């Protein structure tokens, strides 16, 4: 799950564009929690998103925000994997 989050960070896509990618990932055997974590990272932790937020947040706050999001997305993915098997 953490690797899926890290892979998703440099990408940028909207939520609707992620649906076909998630479908392919889950059909290829990726666990639902891992696919969900990847989707959330692409949407919420992407580099363009951080560039936009940099205009309103100081670097320290941006790092804290990204760290909290990374941990929360990772935990969410792990929990979904445990629940869904």
Protein backbone atom coordinates (compact mmCIF):
# COMPACT_ATOMS: atom_id res chain seq x y z
CA UNK A 1 0.00 0.00 0.00
CA UNK A 2 2.72 2.57 0.80
CA UNK A 3 4.36 1.80 -2.55
CA UNK A 4 1.06 2.41 -4.37
CA UNK A 5 0.76 5.77 -2.60
CA UNK A 6 4.33 6.73 -3.56
CA UNK A 7 3.72 5.74 -7.18
CA UNK A 8 0.57 7.86 -7.28
CA UNK A 9 2.19 11.06 -6.02
CA UNK A 10 3.87 12.21 -9.27
CA UNK A 11 0.74 11.49 -11.32
CA UNK A 12 -2.17 13.87 -11.80
CA UNK A 13 -5.67 12.93 -12.86
CA UNK A 14 -9.25 13.67 -11.86
CA UNK A 15 -11.44 11.14 -10.06
CA UNK A 16 -13.49 10.26 -13.15
CA UNK A 17 -10.33 9.50 -15.13
CA UNK A 18 -9.15 7.12 -12.41
CA UNK A 19 -12.17 4.80 -12.68
CA UNK A 20 -10.97 2.88 -15.77
CA UNK A 21 -7.48 2.60 -14.31
CA UNK A 22 -8.87 1.21 -11.04
CA UNK A 23 -10.98 -1.27 -12.97
CA UNK A 24 -7.93 -2.58 -14.83
CA UNK A 25 -5.85 -2.73 -11.64
CA UNK A 26 -8.49 -4.72 -9.76
CA UNK A 27 -9.05 -7.04 -12.75
CA UNK A 28 -5.29 -7.74 -12.79
CA UNK A 29 -5.43 -8.79 -9.15
CA UNK A 30 -4.48 -5.65 -7.22
CA UNK A 31 -6.24 -5.61 -3.84
CA UNK A 32 -9.10 -3.12 -3.55
CA UNK A 33 -7.48 -1.25 -0.64
CA UNK A 34 -4.25 -0.82 -2.59
CA UNK A 35 -6.12 0.43 -5.66
CA UNK A 36 -8.14 2.82 -3.47
CA UNK A 37 -4.95 4.15 -1.83
CA UNK A 38 -3.41 4.67 -5.28
CA UNK A 39 -6.48 6.60 -6.43
CA UNK A 40 -6.53 8.81 -3.33
CA UNK A 41 -2.80 9.56 -3.70
CA UNK A 42 -3.17 10.51 -7.36
CA UNK A 43 -6.03 12.85 -6.54
CA UNK A 44 -4.96 14.27 -3.17
CA UNK A 45 -1.17 14.11 -3.03
CA UNK A 46 -0.15 14.85 -6.61
CA UNK A 47 2.73 17.20 -7.35
CA UNK A 48 0.50 19.73 -9.18
CA UNK A 49 -1.81 19.76 -6.16
CA UNK A 50 1.15 20.54 -3.90
CA UNK A 51 2.28 23.34 -6.24
CA UNK A 52 -1.17 24.92 -6.02
CA UNK A 53 -1.27 24.55 -2.23
CA UNK A 54 2.22 26.05 -1.98
CA UNK A 55 0.71 29.39 -2.97
CA UNK A 56 -1.38 29.48 0.22
CA UNK A 57 0.62 27.35 2.68
CA UNK A 58 4.13 27.70 4.02
CA UNK A 59 6.53 24.84 3.27
CA UNK A 60 6.38 23.49 6.85
CA UNK A 61 2.57 23.32 6.79
CA UNK A 62 2.61 21.76 3.33
CA UNK A 63 5.01 19.03 4.50
CA UNK A 64 2.85 18.34 7.56
CA UNK A 65 -0.28 18.24 5.37
CA UNK A 66 1.34 15.84 2.88
CA UNK A 67 2.68 13.64 5.70
CA UNK A 68 -0.70 13.37 7.40
CA UNK A 69 -2.39 12.61 4.08
CA UNK A 70 0.24 9.96 3.24
CA UNK A 71 -0.27 8.22 6.57
CA UNK A 72 -4.07 8.48 6.41
CA UNK A 73 -4.24 7.15 2.84
CA UNK A 74 -1.89 4.29 3.69
CA UNK A 75 -3.88 3.31 6.79
CA UNK A 76 -7.13 3.48 4.81
CA UNK A 77 -5.72 1.19 2.14
CA UNK A 78 -4.46 -1.30 4.72
CA UNK A 79 -7.81 -1.34 6.54
CA UNK A 80 -9.69 -1.91 3.28
CA UNK A 81 -7.32 -4.75 2.41
CA UNK A 82 -7.89 -6.35 5.81
CA UNK A 83 -11.68 -6.02 5.58
CA UNK A 84 -12.06 -7.11 1.96
CA UNK A 85 -9.37 -9.78 2.11
